[in-house]
Amino acid sequence: MRRLVIAYCVAATSVLVACVDSTGPGLPAGAQRMDPPAIYAEWWRMTEACSARTGDFSDITWYVVPGAHSITSGDARQVQGIWIADNSIVIAGESVRSGPLVRHEMLHGIRKQGSHPRGDFVDRCGGIVACEAGCLHEEQAPEPDPTAMVVDPADMEIEASVWPASASASDPEGYLRLTITVRNPGSQSVIVRLPESGDAGPSASFSFEIEALGWLMDFDERAWAPEVTRFAAGQTRQHVFDFWTAGMVWQWPLAAGAYEFRGAYGERWASPASVTVTP
């Protein structure tokens, strides 16, 4: 079996993924108006749900810089997404289908603010929206609950699901979403002790494997934020991985066939979900 380790989405390419939130006038060079892809309405709903806030999707004016890997922000940084205070969002062309990046900008659009409070971007919407580099370090992580028990991933409830159940390989908008859900079943707050990473980086938190047609594609998200290991009594955390059947610069295409999608937290795997990619 061939094993493919992919540079999945924004999580694995942190040099250029940090968004910036511009309050100055004007648009980046080359920006063009775009109609948002149909999936953006679903991504907006997801962002509203995780943040427990509401906003009007139709208020956003969308722009793209076609073919761009990055765009230049108002402070001359190279980034992949910009929210502008008039409620415009500009996305680099290569990241138009990057769910975490786009949802990050959506969260700014819903909040109508350019700051990155950890409560929204890390605690409530971590795993749904991207938050790395400057976003992650804009505020200091809160102190852990001193009464929390230290537990292992085996003590948590872990589930994985895929939506929708099928997609078409020939559809340029063919989309699949793997959602990994972790719940603390106990009546006391906990800190999950994740397995050691085996390298200089943090431990793996959420992971996926996709198996089909004689190959295995996998990826480990790292526990960059301590909040990913902290759960109040009964609390649930989720992590979403987005896939396109046509593939992207960070993801192999998904040819027609039967697939098994698996999700894990702390190297503890949930039951697999069967997915069909039609021709």
Protein backbone atom coordinates (compact mmCIF):
# COMPACT_ATOMS: atom_id res chain seq x y z
CA MET A 1 0.00 0.00 0.00
CA ARG A 2 1.34 3.45 -0.90
CA ARG A 3 1.40 5.92 1.97
CA LEU A 4 0.84 9.59 1.15
CA VAL A 5 1.59 12.17 3.82
CA ILE A 6 -0.03 15.40 2.68
CA ALA A 7 0.64 19.00 3.62
CA TYR A 8 -2.94 19.47 4.69
CA CYS A 9 -4.45 22.92 4.40
CA VAL A 10 -3.24 25.83 6.48
CA ALA A 11 -2.10 23.68 9.37
CA ALA A 12 1.03 22.49 7.59
CA THR A 13 2.09 25.70 5.81
CA SER A 14 2.19 28.29 8.57
CA VAL A 15 4.66 30.68 6.93
CA LEU A 16 2.03 32.40 4.83
CA VAL A 17 -1.29 31.43 6.25
CA ALA A 18 -1.79 34.04 8.94
CA CYS A 19 -4.54 36.40 7.94
CA VAL A 20 -4.42 40.11 8.60
CA ASP A 21 -7.37 42.35 9.28
CA SER A 22 -7.07 45.65 7.53
CA THR A 23 -8.85 48.82 8.56
CA GLY A 24 -7.19 50.92 5.90
CA PRO A 25 -8.70 51.88 2.53
CA GLY A 26 -8.20 50.05 -0.71
CA LEU A 27 -7.76 46.46 -1.84
CA PRO A 28 -4.64 44.39 -2.51
CA ALA A 29 -3.22 44.62 -6.01
CA GLY A 30 -5.04 42.35 -8.46
CA ALA A 31 -8.14 41.83 -6.30
CA GLN A 32 -11.30 41.05 -8.28
CA ARG A 33 -14.89 40.66 -7.15
CA MET A 34 -16.01 37.03 -6.92
CA ASP A 35 -19.21 35.18 -6.25
CA PRO A 36 -18.59 33.00 -3.19
CA PRO A 37 -18.59 29.24 -3.88
CA ALA A 38 -21.78 27.50 -2.79
CA ILE A 39 -20.02 25.80 0.13
CA TYR A 40 -19.30 29.20 1.71
CA ALA A 41 -22.88 29.42 2.99
CA GLU A 42 -22.33 26.14 4.88
CA TRP A 43 -18.97 27.36 6.17
CA TRP A 44 -20.67 30.53 7.41
CA ARG A 45 -23.22 28.41 9.29
CA MET A 46 -20.40 26.38 10.86
CA THR A 47 -18.64 29.56 11.98
CA GLU A 48 -21.82 30.98 13.47
CA ALA A 49 -22.39 27.72 15.34
CA CYS A 50 -18.93 27.45 16.89
CA SER A 51 -18.82 31.12 17.89
CA ALA A 52 -22.42 31.25 19.14
CA ARG A 53 -22.77 34.48 17.14
CA THR A 54 -24.85 35.37 14.11
CA GLY A 55 -24.16 37.52 11.09
CA ASP A 56 -25.56 38.21 7.64
CA PHE A 57 -23.65 36.25 5.00
CA SER A 58 -25.02 38.52 2.29
CA ASP A 59 -23.31 41.52 3.91
CA ILE A 60 -19.87 40.23 2.88
CA THR A 61 -18.31 41.46 -0.37
CA TRP A 62 -15.90 38.81 -1.63
CA TYR A 63 -12.70 39.35 -3.60
CA VAL A 64 -10.03 37.03 -4.96
CA VAL A 65 -6.53 37.63 -6.29
CA PRO A 66 -6.54 35.01 -9.09
CA GLY A 67 -3.68 32.52 -9.10
CA ALA A 68 -1.99 34.08 -6.07
CA HIS A 69 -0.30 31.97 -3.40
CA SER A 70 -0.24 35.01 -1.11
CA ILE A 71 -1.31 38.63 -1.13
CA THR A 72 0.26 41.76 0.31
CA SER A 73 -1.48 43.22 3.33
CA GLY A 74 -1.69 46.88 4.27
CA ASP A 75 1.34 46.47 6.53
CA ALA A 76 3.32 44.78 3.70
CA ARG A 77 3.08 41.24 5.07
CA GLN A 78 2.51 38.30 2.75
CA VAL A 79 -0.73 36.60 3.82
CA GLN A 80 -3.47 34.42 2.34
CA GLY A 81 -6.56 36.22 3.56
CA ILE A 82 -7.62 39.71 4.56
CA TRP A 83 -10.75 40.98 6.27
CA ILE A 84 -11.38 44.69 5.66
CA ALA A 85 -13.47 46.77 8.02
CA ASP A 86 -16.07 47.60 5.35
CA ASN A 87 -16.92 43.87 5.59
CA SER A 88 -14.99 42.83 2.52
CA ILE A 89 -12.92 39.65 2.47
CA VAL A 90 -10.03 39.09 0.07
CA ILE A 91 -8.63 35.58 -0.48
CA ALA A 92 -5.49 34.55 -2.36
CA GLY A 93 -6.52 32.46 -5.36
CA GLU A 94 -4.85 29.25 -4.15
CA SER A 95 -6.73 29.47 -0.83
CA VAL A 96 -10.27 30.07 -2.10
CA ARG A 97 -11.15 26.51 -1.04
CA SER A 98 -9.14 26.46 2.18
CA GLY A 99 -11.91 25.95 4.72
CA PRO A 100 -9.99 26.93 7.89
CA LEU A 101 -8.59 30.09 6.29
CA VAL A 102 -11.91 31.21 4.80
CA ARG A 103 -13.80 30.47 8.02
CA HIS A 104 -11.21 32.51 9.94
CA GLU A 105 -12.05 35.52 7.79
CA MET A 106 -15.75 34.74 8.18
CA LEU A 107 -15.36 34.91 11.95
CA HIS A 108 -13.98 38.42 11.57
CA GLY A 109 -16.95 39.24 9.35
CA ILE A 110 -19.38 37.91 11.94
CA ARG A 111 -17.65 39.70 14.81
CA LYS A 112 -17.00 42.84 12.69
CA GLN A 113 -13.68 43.22 14.48
CA GLY A 114 -10.09 42.57 13.47
CA SER A 115 -8.78 41.26 16.79
CA HIS A 116 -8.25 37.59 17.67
CA PRO A 117 -9.65 36.90 21.15
CA ARG A 118 -8.68 33.38 22.19
CA GLY A 119 -12.18 32.71 23.47
CA ASP A 120 -13.52 32.86 19.91
CA PHE A 121 -10.60 31.83 17.72
CA VAL A 122 -9.02 29.12 19.89
CA ASP A 123 -11.40 27.91 22.59
CA ARG A 124 -14.79 27.97 20.84
CA CYS A 125 -13.80 27.81 17.16
CA GLY A 126 -10.42 26.12 17.35
CA GLY A 127 -10.44 23.26 14.85
CA ILE A 128 -13.08 25.04 12.75
CA VAL A 129 -11.14 28.21 11.93
CA ALA A 130 -7.40 28.58 11.46
CA CYS A 131 -5.49 30.36 14.22
CA GLU A 132 -1.72 30.27 13.98
CA ALA A 133 1.28 32.59 14.13
CA GLY A 134 0.15 36.10 15.12
CA CYS A 135 -3.42 35.02 15.77
CA LEU A 136 -2.38 32.37 18.28
CA HIS A 137 -0.01 34.68 20.12
CA GLU A 138 -2.16 37.81 20.19
CA GLU A 139 -3.40 36.85 23.65
CA GLN A 140 -1.77 34.64 26.25
CA ALA A 141 -3.35 31.27 26.90
CA PRO A 142 -5.39 31.16 30.13
CA GLU A 143 -4.11 29.23 33.12
CA PRO A 144 -5.43 25.64 33.36
CA ASP A 145 -8.09 24.72 35.89
CA PRO A 146 -6.10 23.72 39.01
CA THR A 147 -8.78 21.16 39.92
CA ALA A 148 -8.64 19.39 36.53
CA MET A 149 -7.84 15.68 36.44
CA VAL A 150 -5.15 14.45 34.07
CA VAL A 151 -6.58 11.74 31.81
CA ASP A 152 -5.64 9.81 28.67
CA PRO A 153 -7.34 9.96 25.26
CA ALA A 154 -8.88 6.55 26.07
CA ASP A 155 -10.93 8.28 28.78
CA MET A 156 -12.63 10.53 26.21
CA GLU A 157 -15.53 9.83 23.85
CA ILE A 158 -14.28 10.13 20.25
CA GLU A 159 -16.41 10.03 17.11
CA ALA A 160 -15.79 10.74 13.43
CA SER A 161 -18.35 11.54 10.74
CA VAL A 162 -18.26 12.57 7.09
CA TRP A 163 -20.63 14.97 5.33
CA PRO A 164 -22.00 14.41 2.76
CA ALA A 165 -21.91 10.62 2.37
CA SER A 166 -20.83 10.86 -1.27
CA ALA A 167 -19.37 13.30 -3.78
CA SER A 168 -18.54 13.26 -7.48
CA ALA A 169 -14.98 13.02 -8.79
CA SER A 170 -15.96 14.96 -11.92
CA ASP A 171 -17.67 17.79 -10.04
CA PRO A 172 -15.27 20.73 -9.54
CA GLU A 173 -17.30 21.56 -6.43
CA GLY A 174 -17.20 17.99 -5.09
CA TYR A 175 -16.64 18.40 -1.35
CA LEU A 176 -16.32 16.18 1.72
CA ARG A 177 -15.92 17.17 5.36
CA LEU A 178 -14.50 14.93 8.08
CA THR A 179 -15.53 16.07 11.58
CA ILE A 180 -13.82 14.57 14.63
CA THR A 181 -15.71 15.10 17.89
CA VAL A 182 -14.18 14.60 21.33
CA ARG A 183 -16.25 14.79 24.51
CA ASN A 184 -15.33 14.70 28.17
CA PRO A 185 -17.93 12.29 29.60
CA GLY A 186 -17.07 13.03 33.20
CA SER A 187 -18.44 15.48 35.75
CA GLN A 188 -15.03 17.08 36.37
CA SER A 189 -12.78 19.17 34.16
CA VAL A 190 -9.84 17.31 32.63
CA ILE A 191 -6.52 17.84 30.89
CA VAL A 192 -5.79 15.16 28.31
CA ARG A 193 -2.27 13.75 28.32
CA LEU A 194 -1.44 13.30 24.63
CA PRO A 195 1.23 10.81 23.49
CA GLU A 196 4.71 12.22 22.96
CA SER A 197 5.34 13.42 19.42
CA GLY A 198 8.73 11.76 19.01
CA ASP A 199 10.21 14.97 17.59
CA ALA A 200 10.78 18.55 18.68
CA GLY A 201 7.19 19.59 17.96
CA PRO A 202 4.07 19.30 20.10
CA SER A 203 2.02 16.12 20.30
CA ALA A 204 -0.51 15.13 17.69
CA SER A 205 -4.02 16.19 18.64
CA PHE A 206 -6.50 15.48 15.83
CA SER A 207 -5.52 13.14 12.99
CA PHE A 208 -7.06 11.59 9.91
CA GLU A 209 -6.45 8.65 7.60
CA ILE A 210 -8.11 8.06 4.24
CA GLU A 211 -7.70 4.63 2.71
CA ALA A 212 -8.72 3.54 -0.77
CA LEU A 213 -7.46 2.13 -4.05
CA GLY A 214 -4.23 0.79 -2.58
CA TRP A 215 -3.04 3.96 -0.87
CA LEU A 216 -3.28 5.65 2.50
CA MET A 217 -3.37 9.43 2.99
CA ASP A 218 -2.84 10.72 6.51
CA PHE A 219 -2.10 13.81 8.55
CA ASP A 220 -1.58 14.77 12.21
CA GLU A 221 -2.65 18.17 13.49
CA ARG A 222 -0.37 19.25 16.33
CA ALA A 223 -1.49 20.56 19.72
CA TRP A 224 -0.24 24.08 19.09
CA ALA A 225 -2.65 25.56 21.65
CA PRO A 226 -3.00 24.12 25.17
CA GLU A 227 -6.77 24.61 25.03
CA VAL A 228 -7.03 21.60 22.71
CA THR A 229 -6.21 19.35 25.68
CA ARG A 230 -8.50 21.07 28.21
CA PHE A 231 -12.14 20.08 28.65
CA ALA A 232 -14.71 21.26 31.15
CA ALA A 233 -17.15 18.69 32.51
CA GLY A 234 -19.20 17.39 29.59
CA GLN A 235 -17.45 19.70 27.11
CA THR A 236 -17.12 18.80 23.44
CA ARG A 237 -14.42 19.92 21.01
CA GLN A 238 -14.40 19.37 17.27
CA HIS A 239 -11.88 19.49 14.46
CA VAL A 240 -12.83 19.68 10.80
CA PHE A 241 -10.79 18.53 7.81
CA ASP A 242 -12.04 19.70 4.39
CA PHE A 243 -11.44 17.77 1.16
CA TRP A 244 -12.17 18.42 -2.51
CA THR A 245 -12.57 15.54 -4.95
CA ALA A 246 -10.69 17.55 -7.59
CA GLY A 247 -7.79 18.00 -5.16
CA MET A 248 -5.91 21.14 -4.20
CA VAL A 249 -2.28 22.23 -3.97
CA TRP A 250 -2.12 20.54 -0.53
CA GLN A 251 -4.36 17.53 -1.26
CA TRP A 252 -4.36 14.67 -3.72
CA PRO A 253 -7.49 14.30 -5.90
CA LEU A 254 -10.04 11.70 -4.83
CA ALA A 255 -10.80 9.41 -7.76
CA ALA A 256 -14.07 7.50 -8.05
CA GLY A 257 -14.21 4.60 -5.62
CA ALA A 258 -15.01 3.49 -2.06
CA TYR A 259 -13.12 5.16 0.78
CA GLU A 260 -12.69 4.73 4.51
CA PHE A 261 -12.28 7.97 6.44
CA ARG A 262 -10.87 7.62 9.96
CA GLY A 263 -10.42 10.26 12.60
CA ALA A 264 -8.43 10.23 15.84
CA TYR A 265 -7.65 12.31 18.87
CA GLY A 266 -4.40 11.69 20.68
CA GLU A 267 -3.81 8.62 18.49
CA ARG A 268 -7.07 7.02 19.64
CA TRP A 269 -9.08 6.19 16.54
CA ALA A 270 -12.83 6.42 16.17
CA SER A 271 -14.86 3.98 14.10
CA PRO A 272 -14.31 4.55 10.37
CA ALA A 273 -16.86 6.22 8.10
CA SER A 274 -17.50 4.78 4.63
CA VAL A 275 -17.64 7.28 1.77
CA THR A 276 -18.36 6.83 -1.92
CA VAL A 277 -16.80 9.05 -4.58
CA THR A 278 -18.85 8.66 -7.74
CA PRO A 279 -17.50 9.20 -11.27
